[in-house]
Amino acid sequence: MKRLEQVTLKQLRALYSVVAQRSISAAAEALFLTPPAVHNQLKVLEESFGCTLIVRQGPDSFLPTAEGAALIAAYEETRAALERAVHQVDALKKGLSGSVILGVVSTAKYYAPNLVAQLRKALPDIDVTLRVGNRERIVAALAARELDIGIMGRPPRVPEVTASILGDHPHYLVAAPGHRLAGVPALNAKDILAEHFVMREQGSGTRILCMRYLDDLGAGREVSATEMDSNETIKQAVISGLGIALLSGHTMVEELRSGRLAVLAAPNLPIVRQWFLVHRADTPPRGAVQTVWDWIGQHSAELLPRL
């Protein structure tokens, strides 16, 4: 390996140029060197390998020996690899390539796959990994520096984050179309609190919002409830008549359009929160992360579902 450590790109470039330019003087001019400097690089290279690398064929021609041809081929491969690396470094610096881990709360999973698909089309050289979890899990992942960017309904206090509003996030109280409260023009608190609720699990942002709404409505009065760990399961439970639920409008666009769920005319609804794009305040986005952050912010109006 000692021989390999003695070889430099300058020496290989001198060998390549002498063969390509057909003379030492022409090679020196192309390399912005003096002929003696080029001659010396060839001499050192031949001494390192202990063999002749080029032979003169007439006054204006040098040809590589078999050993020289092998080194020229290696130089061409190395140069091509370096050129690719330079382009890649430039792309990384400009944020046009790289990888980004995007974490979203489970309520956002209904539009997040489309968001990632659009990112792939717009920024094909950036690899976006999507991670989905309830609010508690996404906040924990941010705290552990496992995410570059997050999408959630309410920015956490810990870890401290920088947040940008993506758009409105409405929440509705829904029931099966045949439910006794469906179609009633103006429900009161008593009507609502008498119902059985289907709720998300502890740690869910939707669960927190629902509990706050019921506490405000009933001054802390307890309600009958069944807990489920996904919006899909809750929707099916409500459609089946198990109870009513407070859900994000963005999780049930298709069910509302098809009439499988009915919005109840409950007091103080809809609750309109905001979707936020967040990153850790102590880790400003750079490169590909900055590019994805900017793109999502610029296209948020197209990405959020329309009710």
Protein backbone atom coordinates (compact mmCIF):
# COMPACT_ATOMS: atom_id res chain seq x y z
CA MET A 1 0.00 0.00 0.00
CA LYS A 2 3.01 2.29 0.37
CA ARG A 3 3.13 2.65 -3.42
CA LEU A 4 -0.52 3.71 -3.49
CA GLU A 5 0.08 6.36 -0.82
CA GLN A 6 2.87 7.84 -2.95
CA VAL A 7 0.62 8.35 -5.97
CA THR A 8 -1.05 11.76 -6.31
CA LEU A 9 -3.77 13.07 -8.59
CA LYS A 10 -1.29 15.62 -9.94
CA GLN A 11 1.02 12.84 -11.11
CA LEU A 12 -1.84 10.89 -12.74
CA ARG A 13 -3.14 14.07 -14.35
CA ALA A 14 0.33 14.75 -15.78
CA LEU A 15 0.47 11.23 -17.25
CA TYR A 16 -3.02 11.59 -18.72
CA SER A 17 -2.29 15.06 -20.18
CA VAL A 18 1.00 14.05 -21.84
CA VAL A 19 -0.74 11.22 -23.65
CA ALA A 20 -3.80 13.36 -24.49
CA GLN A 21 -1.77 16.42 -25.61
CA ARG A 22 0.90 14.29 -27.38
CA SER A 23 3.83 16.21 -25.83
CA ILE A 24 5.20 17.33 -22.51
CA SER A 25 5.23 20.99 -23.51
CA ALA A 26 1.58 20.94 -24.63
CA ALA A 27 0.60 19.10 -21.45
CA ALA A 28 2.46 21.70 -19.37
CA GLU A 29 0.57 24.51 -21.11
CA ALA A 30 -2.78 22.78 -20.51
CA LEU A 31 -1.94 22.24 -16.84
CA PHE A 32 -0.48 25.74 -16.34
CA LEU A 33 2.85 24.21 -15.37
CA THR A 34 6.37 24.26 -16.75
CA PRO A 35 7.63 21.36 -18.87
CA PRO A 36 10.25 20.43 -16.20
CA ALA A 37 7.49 20.24 -13.57
CA VAL A 38 5.47 17.84 -15.73
CA HIS A 39 8.58 15.80 -16.52
CA ASN A 40 9.38 15.56 -12.81
CA GLN A 41 5.87 14.32 -11.94
CA LEU A 42 6.17 11.59 -14.59
CA LYS A 43 9.60 10.62 -13.29
CA VAL A 44 8.38 10.32 -9.68
CA LEU A 45 5.37 8.28 -10.82
CA GLU A 46 7.53 5.85 -12.80
CA GLU A 47 9.94 5.51 -9.88
CA SER A 48 7.03 4.69 -7.57
CA PHE A 49 5.92 1.83 -9.82
CA GLY A 50 9.40 0.83 -11.03
CA CYS A 51 8.40 0.70 -14.69
CA THR A 52 8.02 2.79 -17.83
CA LEU A 53 4.56 4.31 -18.16
CA ILE A 54 4.81 6.15 -21.53
CA VAL A 55 6.96 5.83 -24.60
CA ARG A 56 7.64 8.39 -27.33
CA GLN A 57 6.26 7.56 -30.76
CA GLY A 58 7.73 10.20 -33.01
CA PRO A 59 8.28 13.92 -32.30
CA ASP A 60 4.61 14.68 -31.50
CA SER A 61 3.26 11.58 -29.86
CA PHE A 62 3.44 9.70 -26.58
CA LEU A 63 1.75 6.36 -26.05
CA PRO A 64 1.07 4.68 -22.71
CA THR A 65 2.53 1.30 -21.93
CA ALA A 66 0.14 -1.35 -20.58
CA GLU A 67 1.00 -0.17 -17.06
CA GLY A 68 0.49 3.45 -18.05
CA ALA A 69 -2.86 2.65 -19.68
CA ALA A 70 -4.03 1.00 -16.44
CA LEU A 71 -3.16 4.13 -14.45
CA ILE A 72 -4.84 6.41 -17.02
CA ALA A 73 -8.03 4.33 -16.81
CA ALA A 74 -7.91 4.58 -13.01
CA TYR A 75 -7.44 8.36 -13.26
CA GLU A 76 -10.43 8.72 -15.58
CA GLU A 77 -12.62 6.69 -13.21
CA THR A 78 -11.41 8.71 -10.22
CA ARG A 79 -12.01 11.99 -12.00
CA ALA A 80 -15.54 10.96 -12.97
CA ALA A 81 -16.27 9.93 -9.38
CA LEU A 82 -14.94 13.22 -8.07
CA GLU A 83 -17.04 15.18 -10.56
CA ARG A 84 -20.13 13.33 -9.37
CA ALA A 85 -19.18 14.07 -5.77
CA VAL A 86 -18.72 17.76 -6.54
CA HIS A 87 -22.20 17.92 -8.11
CA GLN A 88 -23.63 16.09 -5.11
CA VAL A 89 -21.95 18.44 -2.64
CA ASP A 90 -23.28 21.44 -4.59
CA ALA A 91 -26.78 19.93 -4.53
CA LEU A 92 -26.55 19.27 -0.80
CA LYS A 93 -25.37 22.82 -0.14
CA LYS A 94 -28.28 24.19 -2.18
CA GLY A 95 -30.76 21.86 -0.47
CA LEU A 96 -31.63 20.05 -3.70
CA SER A 97 -30.72 16.58 -2.41
CA GLY A 98 -30.45 14.77 0.89
CA SER A 99 -32.84 13.16 3.34
CA VAL A 100 -35.53 14.54 5.66
CA ILE A 101 -37.51 12.81 8.41
CA LEU A 102 -41.02 14.24 8.68
CA GLY A 103 -43.11 13.34 11.73
CA VAL A 104 -46.86 13.94 11.76
CA VAL A 105 -49.54 13.38 14.39
CA SER A 106 -51.93 10.58 13.45
CA THR A 107 -54.72 13.04 12.62
CA ALA A 108 -52.52 14.39 9.81
CA LYS A 109 -51.97 10.96 8.25
CA TYR A 110 -55.02 11.50 6.05
CA TYR A 111 -53.20 14.11 3.98
CA ALA A 112 -49.54 13.45 4.86
CA PRO A 113 -49.05 10.66 2.24
CA ASN A 114 -50.26 13.03 -0.49
CA LEU A 115 -47.90 15.68 0.89
CA VAL A 116 -44.95 13.28 0.62
CA ALA A 117 -46.02 12.25 -2.89
CA GLN A 118 -46.10 15.90 -3.97
CA LEU A 119 -42.69 16.49 -2.39
CA ARG A 120 -41.31 13.53 -4.32
CA LYS A 121 -42.54 15.02 -7.59
CA ALA A 122 -41.30 18.52 -6.84
CA LEU A 123 -37.99 17.53 -5.19
CA PRO A 124 -37.11 14.09 -6.59
CA ASP A 125 -33.57 14.03 -5.17
CA ILE A 126 -34.71 14.57 -1.59
CA ASP A 127 -35.69 11.41 0.28
CA VAL A 128 -38.55 12.15 2.71
CA THR A 129 -39.28 9.58 5.41
CA LEU A 130 -42.74 9.83 6.99
CA ARG A 131 -43.29 8.88 10.63
CA VAL A 132 -46.78 8.86 12.17
CA GLY A 133 -47.74 8.79 15.85
CA ASN A 134 -50.02 10.41 18.37
CA ARG A 135 -49.09 13.81 19.73
CA GLU A 136 -47.19 12.38 22.68
CA ARG A 137 -45.00 10.21 20.45
CA ILE A 138 -44.26 12.98 17.95
CA VAL A 139 -43.29 15.41 20.73
CA ALA A 140 -41.04 12.73 22.24
CA ALA A 141 -39.41 12.13 18.84
CA LEU A 142 -38.74 15.85 18.49
CA ALA A 143 -37.22 15.91 21.96
CA ALA A 144 -34.98 12.96 21.04
CA ARG A 145 -33.90 14.66 17.79
CA GLU A 146 -35.37 11.80 15.77
CA LEU A 147 -37.28 14.18 13.47
CA ASP A 148 -36.21 17.06 11.25
CA ILE A 149 -39.69 18.55 10.86
CA GLY A 150 -43.05 17.89 12.52
CA ILE A 151 -46.68 18.63 11.71
CA MET A 152 -49.09 18.89 14.63
CA GLY A 153 -52.07 20.78 15.97
CA ARG A 154 -50.40 22.59 18.87
CA PRO A 155 -46.68 23.29 19.26
CA PRO A 156 -45.17 21.79 22.43
CA ARG A 157 -43.55 23.81 25.18
CA VAL A 158 -40.80 21.21 25.53
CA PRO A 159 -38.78 20.93 23.44
CA GLU A 160 -38.86 24.54 22.38
CA VAL A 161 -39.78 24.76 18.69
CA THR A 162 -40.08 27.24 15.88
CA ALA A 163 -43.59 26.98 14.43
CA SER A 164 -45.23 28.14 11.22
CA ILE A 165 -49.01 28.06 10.65
CA LEU A 166 -50.09 25.84 7.74
CA GLY A 167 -53.83 26.50 7.89
CA ASP A 168 -57.12 26.02 9.74
CA HIS A 169 -57.86 22.72 11.46
CA PRO A 170 -61.61 22.44 12.21
CA HIS A 171 -63.12 19.88 14.61
CA TYR A 172 -66.75 18.73 14.58
CA LEU A 173 -69.04 16.63 16.73
CA VAL A 174 -70.37 13.80 14.55
CA ALA A 175 -72.83 10.95 14.76
CA ALA A 176 -74.34 8.30 12.52
CA PRO A 177 -76.91 9.78 10.08
CA GLY A 178 -79.73 7.93 11.87
CA HIS A 179 -78.75 9.12 15.34
CA ARG A 180 -81.47 10.86 17.35
CA LEU A 181 -79.48 14.12 17.44
CA ALA A 182 -78.66 14.17 13.72
CA GLY A 183 -80.57 16.95 12.00
CA VAL A 184 -81.62 18.70 15.21
CA PRO A 185 -81.05 22.40 14.41
CA ALA A 186 -79.68 23.60 17.79
CA LEU A 187 -78.51 21.18 20.45
CA ASN A 188 -77.90 22.20 24.05
CA ALA A 189 -75.33 21.07 26.59
CA LYS A 190 -77.75 18.65 28.22
CA ASP A 191 -78.38 16.89 24.90
CA ILE A 192 -74.65 16.45 24.30
CA LEU A 193 -73.60 15.37 27.79
CA ALA A 194 -76.25 12.66 27.88
CA GLU A 195 -74.60 10.86 24.97
CA HIS A 196 -71.97 8.12 24.97
CA PHE A 197 -68.68 9.36 23.53
CA VAL A 198 -66.04 7.50 21.53
CA MET A 199 -62.63 9.03 22.26
CA ARG A 200 -58.99 8.70 21.30
CA GLU A 201 -56.40 7.29 23.72
CA GLN A 202 -54.47 9.22 26.35
CA GLY A 203 -51.70 11.31 24.77
CA SER A 204 -53.76 12.14 21.67
CA GLY A 205 -54.25 15.80 20.79
CA THR A 206 -57.84 15.07 19.72
CA ARG A 207 -58.52 13.46 23.11
CA ILE A 208 -57.18 16.55 24.89
CA LEU A 209 -59.35 18.84 22.77
CA CYS A 210 -62.46 16.72 23.35
CA MET A 211 -61.96 16.66 27.13
CA ARG A 212 -61.52 20.44 27.22
CA TYR A 213 -64.69 20.92 25.18
CA LEU A 214 -66.73 18.63 27.46
CA ASP A 215 -65.29 20.25 30.59
CA ASP A 216 -66.32 23.68 29.32
CA LEU A 217 -69.74 22.38 28.28
CA GLY A 218 -70.52 20.50 31.49
CA ALA A 219 -68.43 22.33 34.08
CA GLY A 220 -66.36 19.18 34.70
CA ARG A 221 -69.26 16.72 34.59
CA GLU A 222 -68.17 13.21 33.67
CA VAL A 223 -69.50 11.59 30.52
CA SER A 224 -69.87 8.00 29.39
CA ALA A 225 -67.05 7.11 27.01
CA THR A 226 -65.26 4.32 25.17
CA GLU A 227 -61.58 4.74 24.30
CA MET A 228 -60.11 3.73 20.94
CA ASP A 229 -56.61 4.23 19.57
CA SER A 230 -57.26 5.39 16.00
CA ASN A 231 -59.49 7.80 14.12
CA GLU A 232 -60.48 5.04 11.70
CA THR A 233 -61.78 2.82 14.49
CA ILE A 234 -63.65 5.73 16.05
CA LYS A 235 -65.31 6.61 12.74
CA GLN A 236 -66.47 3.04 12.23
CA ALA A 237 -67.74 2.91 15.82
CA VAL A 238 -69.74 6.10 15.32
CA ILE A 239 -71.13 4.90 11.98
CA SER A 240 -72.18 1.67 13.73
CA GLY A 241 -74.10 3.66 16.36
CA LEU A 242 -71.82 3.11 19.37
CA GLY A 243 -71.76 6.80 20.22
CA ILE A 244 -70.77 10.27 19.07
CA ALA A 245 -67.28 11.72 18.70
CA LEU A 246 -65.39 14.97 18.38
CA LEU A 247 -63.06 14.54 15.40
CA SER A 248 -60.89 16.57 13.08
CA GLY A 249 -62.74 17.45 9.91
CA HIS A 250 -59.63 16.50 7.98
CA THR A 251 -59.92 12.88 9.13
CA MET A 252 -63.45 12.36 7.81
CA VAL A 253 -63.72 14.23 4.52
CA GLU A 254 -64.94 11.17 2.60
CA GLU A 255 -67.41 10.07 5.29
CA LEU A 256 -68.99 13.53 5.40
CA ARG A 257 -69.20 13.75 1.60
CA SER A 258 -70.80 10.31 1.32
CA GLY A 259 -73.22 10.92 4.18
CA ARG A 260 -71.92 8.11 6.38
CA LEU A 261 -71.32 10.63 9.16
CA ALA A 262 -73.46 13.63 10.12
CA VAL A 263 -72.22 16.84 11.75
CA LEU A 264 -74.20 17.73 14.87
CA ALA A 265 -75.34 21.30 15.51
CA ALA A 266 -73.63 21.40 18.90
CA PRO A 267 -72.89 24.62 20.78
CA ASN A 268 -69.53 26.35 20.29
CA LEU A 269 -68.62 24.20 17.31
CA PRO A 270 -66.72 23.78 15.09
CA ILE A 271 -63.59 24.28 17.15
CA VAL A 272 -61.07 25.73 14.74
CA ARG A 273 -57.45 25.14 15.64
CA GLN A 274 -54.39 25.49 13.41
CA TRP A 275 -52.02 23.07 11.78
CA PHE A 276 -48.40 23.92 12.56
CA LEU A 277 -45.15 23.02 10.87
CA VAL A 278 -42.44 22.82 13.55
CA HIS A 279 -38.74 22.18 14.04
CA ARG A 280 -36.57 22.37 17.12
CA ALA A 281 -35.67 25.97 17.91
CA ASP A 282 -32.06 24.97 18.65
CA THR A 283 -31.69 23.20 15.28
CA PRO A 284 -32.38 25.65 12.44
CA PRO A 285 -33.19 23.86 9.17
CA ARG A 286 -30.42 23.68 6.60
CA GLY A 287 -29.96 22.13 3.19
CA ALA A 288 -32.67 19.66 2.25
CA VAL A 289 -34.57 20.28 5.50
CA GLN A 290 -34.83 24.00 4.71
CA THR A 291 -35.95 23.22 1.16
CA VAL A 292 -38.72 20.89 2.36
CA TRP A 293 -39.75 23.35 5.08
CA ASP A 294 -40.07 26.16 2.53
CA TRP A 295 -41.93 23.98 0.02
CA ILE A 296 -44.53 22.79 2.54
CA GLY A 297 -45.08 26.35 3.74
CA GLN A 298 -45.56 27.63 0.21
CA HIS A 299 -48.02 24.87 -0.78
CA SER A 300 -49.96 24.38 2.46
CA ALA A 301 -53.21 25.71 0.97
CA GLU A 302 -53.09 22.99 -1.70
CA LEU A 303 -52.16 20.20 0.71
CA LEU A 304 -54.82 20.52 3.42
CA PRO A 305 -58.11 18.70 2.68
CA ARG A 306 -61.08 20.82 1.69
CA LEU A 307 -64.33 20.20 3.53
